[in-house]
Amino acid sequence: MTATDLAAHAPLGAVIRFSDFTPAPPLRFKRKHAEWARNNSIGRLISIHKGTSPSDTTITLHMGDYGSHGIIVISTRKTFMGTSALRFAITERPLPGSVGIIKDHGAERELLHLALSLEAAQSWLASNPYSDATLQPYPLPSAA
């Protein structure tokens, strides 16, 4: 799916794979492999900005955190335009019963934290106060 389709259909907190569909070079070619990895990786959807056209639409993926001893020094994110030539796929949706802490910035929605339960989300929000943050519970599994 395209980045614009992803912005319309994927929930915040979903794990997204993106790819240019080129084959991975052998690991012994470190530079070529690093370049390939820039266009073929996975991240968590943390922000969606829905524009009036594909060129105005953006999605942002959280790629990882770096630090030590529980202290995050660098948090990496990657933003894609709606017109990106890459293709995207939802590989994992937020677990049923989990709760996203969401902040709206006009046309943009941002995931601040994904908690496993409502209690964990309320606890996180109490220790990390954000004005206008809302709790978004993810659907519980339907009884079959």
N, C-alpha and C. Protein backbone atom coordinates (compact mmCIF):
# COMPACT_ATOMS: atom_id res chain seq x y z
N MET A 1 0.84 -1.17 0.00
CA MET A 1 0.00 0.00 0.00
C MET A 1 0.88 1.24 0.00
N THR A 2 0.35 2.34 -0.44
CA THR A 2 1.10 3.59 -0.48
C THR A 2 1.08 4.26 0.90
N ALA A 3 1.89 5.28 1.07
CA ALA A 3 1.90 6.02 2.33
C ALA A 3 0.56 6.70 2.58
N THR A 4 -0.08 7.17 1.53
CA THR A 4 -1.40 7.81 1.67
C THR A 4 -2.44 6.79 2.12
N ASP A 5 -2.42 5.59 1.54
CA ASP A 5 -3.34 4.53 1.96
C ASP A 5 -3.09 4.15 3.41
N LEU A 6 -1.82 4.08 3.78
CA LEU A 6 -1.46 3.74 5.15
C LEU A 6 -2.01 4.78 6.12
N ALA A 7 -1.88 6.06 5.77
CA ALA A 7 -2.38 7.13 6.63
C ALA A 7 -3.89 7.02 6.82
N ALA A 8 -4.59 6.52 5.82
CA ALA A 8 -6.04 6.41 5.90
C ALA A 8 -6.50 5.17 6.66
N HIS A 9 -5.70 4.10 6.68
CA HIS A 9 -6.19 2.83 7.20
C HIS A 9 -5.46 2.26 8.41
N ALA A 10 -4.24 2.66 8.66
CA ALA A 10 -3.46 2.05 9.74
C ALA A 10 -3.69 2.77 11.07
N PRO A 11 -3.83 2.03 12.16
CA PRO A 11 -3.96 2.68 13.47
C PRO A 11 -2.60 3.12 13.99
N LEU A 12 -2.58 4.22 14.73
CA LEU A 12 -1.35 4.62 15.40
C LEU A 12 -0.92 3.49 16.32
N GLY A 13 0.37 3.22 16.36
CA GLY A 13 0.89 2.14 17.18
C GLY A 13 1.13 0.86 16.40
N ALA A 14 0.66 0.80 15.16
CA ALA A 14 0.88 -0.39 14.33
C ALA A 14 2.35 -0.47 13.93
N VAL A 15 2.84 -1.69 13.78
CA VAL A 15 4.20 -1.90 13.28
C VAL A 15 4.10 -1.98 11.76
N ILE A 16 4.92 -1.16 11.09
CA ILE A 16 4.85 -1.00 9.65
C ILE A 16 6.17 -1.42 9.01
N ARG A 17 6.07 -2.20 7.95
CA ARG A 17 7.25 -2.56 7.14
C ARG A 17 7.21 -1.71 5.88
N PHE A 18 8.36 -1.15 5.51
CA PHE A 18 8.44 -0.40 4.26
C PHE A 18 9.56 -0.98 3.41
N SER A 19 9.37 -0.89 2.08
CA SER A 19 10.32 -1.53 1.19
C SER A 19 10.29 -0.90 -0.20
N ASP A 20 11.44 -0.99 -0.87
CA ASP A 20 11.51 -0.61 -2.28
C ASP A 20 11.57 -1.86 -3.16
N PHE A 21 11.46 -3.02 -2.56
CA PHE A 21 11.40 -4.33 -3.22
C PHE A 21 12.69 -4.71 -3.96
N THR A 22 13.80 -4.11 -3.58
CA THR A 22 15.08 -4.55 -4.15
C THR A 22 15.63 -5.65 -3.26
N PRO A 23 16.35 -6.62 -3.82
CA PRO A 23 16.92 -7.68 -2.99
C PRO A 23 18.04 -7.15 -2.11
N ALA A 24 18.18 -7.74 -0.94
CA ALA A 24 19.22 -7.31 0.00
C ALA A 24 20.59 -7.75 -0.51
N PRO A 25 21.56 -6.84 -0.48
CA PRO A 25 22.92 -7.25 -0.86
C PRO A 25 23.53 -8.09 0.26
N PRO A 26 24.57 -8.85 -0.04
CA PRO A 26 25.23 -9.64 1.01
C PRO A 26 25.75 -8.74 2.13
N LEU A 27 25.72 -9.25 3.35
CA LEU A 27 26.16 -8.47 4.52
C LEU A 27 27.62 -8.06 4.45
N ARG A 28 28.41 -8.76 3.67
CA ARG A 28 29.83 -8.40 3.60
C ARG A 28 30.03 -7.05 2.90
N PHE A 29 29.04 -6.60 2.13
CA PHE A 29 29.08 -5.27 1.51
C PHE A 29 28.38 -4.29 2.44
N LYS A 30 29.09 -3.83 3.45
CA LYS A 30 28.49 -3.04 4.53
C LYS A 30 27.82 -1.76 4.04
N ARG A 31 28.45 -1.01 3.17
CA ARG A 31 27.86 0.25 2.70
C ARG A 31 26.61 0.00 1.85
N LYS A 32 26.70 -0.96 0.96
CA LYS A 32 25.53 -1.28 0.12
C LYS A 32 24.38 -1.78 0.98
N HIS A 33 24.71 -2.59 1.98
CA HIS A 33 23.65 -3.11 2.85
C HIS A 33 23.04 -1.99 3.69
N ALA A 34 23.85 -1.07 4.18
CA ALA A 34 23.33 0.06 4.97
C ALA A 34 22.41 0.93 4.11
N GLU A 35 22.80 1.16 2.86
CA GLU A 35 21.94 1.93 1.95
C GLU A 35 20.63 1.20 1.69
N TRP A 36 20.70 -0.11 1.47
CA TRP A 36 19.49 -0.90 1.25
C TRP A 36 18.58 -0.83 2.48
N ALA A 37 19.16 -0.90 3.68
CA ALA A 37 18.37 -0.90 4.92
C ALA A 37 17.64 0.42 5.12
N ARG A 38 18.13 1.51 4.56
CA ARG A 38 17.43 2.80 4.68
C ARG A 38 16.07 2.77 3.99
N ASN A 39 15.92 1.94 2.97
CA ASN A 39 14.66 1.85 2.24
C ASN A 39 13.91 0.55 2.47
N ASN A 40 14.40 -0.30 3.35
CA ASN A 40 13.78 -1.59 3.62
C ASN A 40 13.92 -1.90 5.10
N SER A 41 12.94 -1.51 5.87
CA SER A 41 13.04 -1.70 7.31
C SER A 41 11.64 -1.78 7.92
N ILE A 42 11.59 -1.56 9.23
CA ILE A 42 10.35 -1.69 9.98
C ILE A 42 10.35 -0.65 11.08
N GLY A 43 9.17 -0.12 11.42
CA GLY A 43 9.05 0.86 12.50
C GLY A 43 7.62 0.93 13.00
N ARG A 44 7.42 1.62 14.11
CA ARG A 44 6.08 1.77 14.69
C ARG A 44 5.49 3.10 14.25
N LEU A 45 4.26 3.07 13.76
CA LEU A 45 3.57 4.28 13.29
C LEU A 45 3.24 5.16 14.49
N ILE A 46 3.84 6.36 14.54
CA ILE A 46 3.61 7.24 15.68
C ILE A 46 2.94 8.56 15.31
N SER A 47 2.89 8.88 14.02
CA SER A 47 2.29 10.15 13.65
C SER A 47 1.70 10.05 12.25
N ILE A 48 0.51 10.65 12.11
CA ILE A 48 -0.15 10.74 10.81
C ILE A 48 -0.60 12.17 10.62
N HIS A 49 -0.20 12.77 9.51
CA HIS A 49 -0.68 14.10 9.14
C HIS A 49 -1.45 13.93 7.84
N LYS A 50 -2.78 14.06 7.93
CA LYS A 50 -3.61 13.88 6.75
C LYS A 50 -3.77 15.23 6.06
N GLY A 51 -3.26 15.32 4.86
CA GLY A 51 -3.38 16.54 4.07
C GLY A 51 -4.55 16.44 3.11
N THR A 52 -4.72 17.49 2.33
CA THR A 52 -5.80 17.51 1.35
C THR A 52 -5.40 16.79 0.07
N SER A 53 -4.11 16.52 -0.09
CA SER A 53 -3.62 15.78 -1.26
C SER A 53 -2.50 14.85 -0.81
N PRO A 54 -2.12 13.87 -1.62
CA PRO A 54 -1.03 12.97 -1.23
C PRO A 54 0.28 13.70 -0.91
N SER A 55 0.54 14.81 -1.61
CA SER A 55 1.79 15.54 -1.34
C SER A 55 1.75 16.25 0.00
N ASP A 56 0.57 16.46 0.57
CA ASP A 56 0.44 17.10 1.89
C ASP A 56 0.40 16.09 3.02
N THR A 57 0.23 14.82 2.72
CA THR A 57 0.10 13.77 3.72
C THR A 57 1.48 13.25 4.12
N THR A 58 1.68 13.06 5.43
CA THR A 58 2.93 12.45 5.91
C THR A 58 2.62 11.42 6.98
N ILE A 59 3.51 10.44 7.08
CA ILE A 59 3.46 9.47 8.17
C ILE A 59 4.85 9.44 8.80
N THR A 60 4.90 9.20 10.10
CA THR A 60 6.18 9.12 10.80
C THR A 60 6.26 7.80 11.54
N LEU A 61 7.39 7.11 11.36
CA LEU A 61 7.64 5.84 12.04
C LEU A 61 8.73 6.02 13.07
N HIS A 62 8.54 5.40 14.23
CA HIS A 62 9.58 5.37 15.26
C HIS A 62 10.47 4.18 14.93
N MET A 63 11.75 4.46 14.67
CA MET A 63 12.67 3.43 14.22
C MET A 63 13.44 2.78 15.36
N GLY A 64 13.64 3.51 16.46
CA GLY A 64 14.36 2.92 17.58
C GLY A 64 14.85 3.96 18.57
N ASP A 65 15.24 3.49 19.74
CA ASP A 65 15.82 4.33 20.80
C ASP A 65 17.21 3.83 21.10
N TYR A 66 18.10 4.76 21.39
CA TYR A 66 19.48 4.40 21.71
C TYR A 66 19.87 5.06 23.02
N GLY A 67 20.50 4.31 23.89
CA GLY A 67 20.95 4.80 25.18
C GLY A 67 21.44 3.64 26.02
N SER A 68 21.58 3.90 27.31
CA SER A 68 21.99 2.83 28.21
C SER A 68 21.48 3.10 29.61
N HIS A 69 21.40 2.05 30.40
CA HIS A 69 20.95 2.13 31.79
C HIS A 69 19.58 2.79 31.92
N GLY A 70 18.70 2.53 30.97
CA GLY A 70 17.34 3.05 31.03
C GLY A 70 17.20 4.51 30.62
N ILE A 71 18.27 5.13 30.15
CA ILE A 71 18.22 6.53 29.73
C ILE A 71 18.33 6.58 28.21
N ILE A 72 17.30 7.12 27.57
CA ILE A 72 17.29 7.23 26.12
C ILE A 72 18.03 8.51 25.73
N VAL A 73 19.05 8.36 24.91
CA VAL A 73 19.84 9.50 24.47
C VAL A 73 19.37 9.98 23.10
N ILE A 74 19.07 9.04 22.21
CA ILE A 74 18.62 9.38 20.86
C ILE A 74 17.41 8.52 20.52
N SER A 75 16.38 9.17 20.01
CA SER A 75 15.20 8.47 19.51
C SER A 75 15.12 8.76 18.01
N THR A 76 15.17 7.73 17.18
CA THR A 76 15.17 7.95 15.74
C THR A 76 13.78 7.75 15.16
N ARG A 77 13.44 8.66 14.26
CA ARG A 77 12.16 8.64 13.56
C ARG A 77 12.42 8.82 12.08
N LYS A 78 11.49 8.34 11.28
CA LYS A 78 11.61 8.51 9.84
C LYS A 78 10.25 8.94 9.32
N THR A 79 10.23 10.06 8.59
CA THR A 79 8.99 10.61 8.05
C THR A 79 8.94 10.39 6.55
N PHE A 80 7.77 9.98 6.07
CA PHE A 80 7.56 9.71 4.65
C PHE A 80 6.44 10.60 4.12
N MET A 81 6.64 11.12 2.93
CA MET A 81 5.59 11.88 2.25
C MET A 81 4.57 10.90 1.68
N GLY A 82 3.37 11.38 1.47
CA GLY A 82 2.33 10.55 0.87
C GLY A 82 2.67 10.11 -0.54
N THR A 83 3.57 10.83 -1.19
CA THR A 83 3.97 10.51 -2.56
C THR A 83 5.21 9.61 -2.63
N SER A 84 5.64 9.07 -1.50
CA SER A 84 6.83 8.21 -1.46
C SER A 84 6.69 7.03 -2.42
N ALA A 85 7.79 6.69 -3.09
CA ALA A 85 7.79 5.55 -4.00
C ALA A 85 7.86 4.22 -3.26
N LEU A 86 8.15 4.25 -1.97
CA LEU A 86 8.22 3.02 -1.18
C LEU A 86 6.82 2.45 -0.98
N ARG A 87 6.76 1.17 -0.67
CA ARG A 87 5.49 0.50 -0.37
C ARG A 87 5.50 0.09 1.09
N PHE A 88 4.32 0.09 1.69
CA PHE A 88 4.17 -0.13 3.13
C PHE A 88 3.20 -1.27 3.38
N ALA A 89 3.41 -1.96 4.50
CA ALA A 89 2.52 -3.04 4.91
C ALA A 89 2.40 -3.02 6.43
N ILE A 90 1.20 -3.28 6.93
CA ILE A 90 0.98 -3.39 8.37
C ILE A 90 1.37 -4.80 8.77
N THR A 91 2.39 -4.93 9.62
CA THR A 91 2.82 -6.27 10.04
C THR A 91 2.25 -6.66 11.39
N GLU A 92 1.88 -5.67 12.19
CA GLU A 92 1.33 -5.96 13.52
C GLU A 92 0.47 -4.79 13.97
N ARG A 93 -0.71 -5.08 14.44
CA ARG A 93 -1.59 -4.04 14.98
C ARG A 93 -1.41 -4.00 16.50
N PRO A 94 -1.78 -2.89 17.14
CA PRO A 94 -1.69 -2.85 18.61
C PRO A 94 -2.51 -4.00 19.21
N LEU A 95 -2.00 -4.56 20.29
CA LEU A 95 -2.68 -5.68 20.93
C LEU A 95 -4.06 -5.27 21.44
N PRO A 96 -5.04 -6.15 21.34
CA PRO A 96 -6.35 -5.86 21.90
C PRO A 96 -6.23 -5.58 23.40
N GLY A 97 -6.90 -4.53 23.85
CA GLY A 97 -6.83 -4.14 25.26
C GLY A 97 -5.75 -3.12 25.54
N SER A 98 -4.83 -2.91 24.58
CA SER A 98 -3.80 -1.89 24.81
C SER A 98 -4.41 -0.51 24.61
N VAL A 99 -3.73 0.50 25.13
CA VAL A 99 -4.25 1.87 25.10
C VAL A 99 -3.17 2.80 24.59
N GLY A 100 -3.52 3.58 23.58
CA GLY A 100 -2.60 4.58 23.05
C GLY A 100 -2.86 5.93 23.70
N ILE A 101 -1.80 6.64 24.01
CA ILE A 101 -1.92 8.01 24.50
C ILE A 101 -1.64 8.90 23.30
N ILE A 102 -2.67 9.64 22.87
CA ILE A 102 -2.65 10.36 21.61
C ILE A 102 -2.73 11.86 21.86
N LYS A 103 -1.97 12.62 21.09
CA LYS A 103 -2.06 14.08 21.13
C LYS A 103 -2.38 14.55 19.72
N ASP A 104 -3.38 15.41 19.61
CA ASP A 104 -3.77 15.98 18.32
C ASP A 104 -3.14 17.36 18.17
N HIS A 105 -2.54 17.58 16.99
CA HIS A 105 -1.97 18.88 16.64
C HIS A 105 -2.63 19.32 15.33
N GLY A 106 -3.83 19.82 15.40
CA GLY A 106 -4.54 20.19 14.17
C GLY A 106 -4.84 18.97 13.33
N ALA A 107 -4.26 18.91 12.13
CA ALA A 107 -4.49 17.78 11.22
C ALA A 107 -3.58 16.59 11.52
N GLU A 108 -2.70 16.73 12.50
CA GLU A 108 -1.75 15.67 12.82
C GLU A 108 -2.13 14.99 14.13
N ARG A 109 -2.05 13.65 14.12
CA ARG A 109 -2.25 12.86 15.34
C ARG A 109 -0.93 12.20 15.67
N GLU A 110 -0.53 12.26 16.95
CA GLU A 110 0.76 11.69 17.36
C GLU A 110 0.56 10.73 18.52
N LEU A 111 1.17 9.56 18.41
CA LEU A 111 1.17 8.59 19.49
C LEU A 111 2.31 8.93 20.44
N LEU A 112 1.97 9.25 21.68
CA LEU A 112 2.99 9.57 22.68
C LEU A 112 3.51 8.32 23.36
N HIS A 113 2.60 7.38 23.61
CA HIS A 113 2.97 6.15 24.32
C HIS A 113 1.93 5.09 24.03
N LEU A 114 2.36 3.84 23.95
CA LEU A 114 1.45 2.71 23.78
C LEU A 114 1.58 1.83 25.01
N ALA A 115 0.52 1.79 25.81
CA ALA A 115 0.52 1.02 27.06
C ALA A 115 -0.26 -0.28 26.86
N LEU A 116 0.08 -1.27 27.66
CA LEU A 116 -0.58 -2.58 27.54
C LEU A 116 -1.97 -2.61 28.16
N SER A 117 -2.27 -1.64 29.04
CA SER A 117 -3.58 -1.62 29.70
C SER A 117 -3.98 -0.19 30.01
N LEU A 118 -5.24 -0.01 30.37
CA LEU A 118 -5.73 1.31 30.75
C LEU A 118 -5.03 1.81 32.00
N GLU A 119 -4.80 0.93 32.97
CA GLU A 119 -4.11 1.33 34.20
C GLU A 119 -2.69 1.80 33.91
N ALA A 120 -1.99 1.08 33.04
CA ALA A 120 -0.62 1.47 32.68
C ALA A 120 -0.62 2.80 31.94
N ALA A 121 -1.61 3.03 31.09
CA ALA A 121 -1.70 4.30 30.36
C ALA A 121 -1.96 5.46 31.31
N GLN A 122 -2.88 5.26 32.26
CA GLN A 122 -3.16 6.32 33.24
C GLN A 122 -1.95 6.61 34.10
N SER A 123 -1.22 5.57 34.48
CA SER A 123 0.00 5.75 35.26
C SER A 123 1.06 6.52 34.46
N TRP A 124 1.23 6.17 33.19
CA TRP A 124 2.20 6.87 32.35
C TRP A 124 1.82 8.32 32.18
N LEU A 125 0.52 8.58 31.97
CA LEU A 125 0.05 9.95 31.77
C LEU A 125 0.20 10.77 33.05
N ALA A 126 0.04 10.13 34.21
CA ALA A 126 0.22 10.85 35.48
C ALA A 126 1.67 11.27 35.69
N SER A 127 2.61 10.44 35.25
CA SER A 127 4.02 10.78 35.43
C SER A 127 4.61 11.56 34.25
N ASN A 128 3.87 11.66 33.15
CA ASN A 128 4.29 12.42 31.97
C ASN A 128 3.13 13.30 31.52
N PRO A 129 2.85 14.38 32.26
CA PRO A 129 1.66 15.17 31.95
C PRO A 129 1.76 15.88 30.59
N TYR A 130 0.76 15.67 29.77
CA TYR A 130 0.61 16.36 28.50
C TYR A 130 -0.76 17.00 28.49
N SER A 131 -0.84 18.26 28.08
CA SER A 131 -2.16 18.89 27.98
C SER A 131 -2.84 18.37 26.72
N ASP A 132 -4.10 18.16 26.80
CA ASP A 132 -4.93 17.72 25.68
C ASP A 132 -4.60 16.32 25.16
N ALA A 133 -3.92 15.50 25.93
CA ALA A 133 -3.68 14.12 25.50
C ALA A 133 -4.94 13.30 25.78
N THR A 134 -5.24 12.39 24.88
CA THR A 134 -6.41 11.53 25.05
C THR A 134 -5.98 10.07 25.06
N LEU A 135 -6.80 9.26 25.71
CA LEU A 135 -6.55 7.81 25.76
C LEU A 135 -7.39 7.14 24.68
N GLN A 136 -6.76 6.31 23.88
CA GLN A 136 -7.47 5.60 22.82
C GLN A 136 -7.32 4.10 23.04
N PRO A 137 -8.36 3.46 23.59
CA PRO A 137 -8.28 2.01 23.76
C PRO A 137 -8.41 1.32 22.40
N TYR A 138 -7.64 0.26 22.23
CA TYR A 138 -7.73 -0.51 20.99
C TYR A 138 -8.76 -1.60 21.18
N PRO A 139 -9.44 -1.99 20.12
CA PRO A 139 -10.58 -2.90 20.25
C PRO A 139 -10.20 -4.22 20.91
N LEU A 140 -11.12 -4.68 21.73
CA LEU A 140 -10.96 -6.00 22.33
C LEU A 140 -11.37 -7.05 21.31
N PRO A 141 -10.82 -8.25 21.41
CA PRO A 141 -11.20 -9.27 20.43
C PRO A 141 -12.68 -9.60 20.57
N SER A 142 -13.34 -9.80 19.43
CA SER A 142 -14.76 -10.15 19.48
C SER A 142 -14.89 -11.62 19.87
N ALA A 143 -15.94 -11.92 20.59
CA ALA A 143 -16.18 -13.31 21.01
C ALA A 143 -16.61 -14.12 19.80
N ALA A 144 -15.93 -15.23 19.58
CA ALA A 144 -16.26 -16.04 18.40
C ALA A 144 -17.21 -17.15 18.76
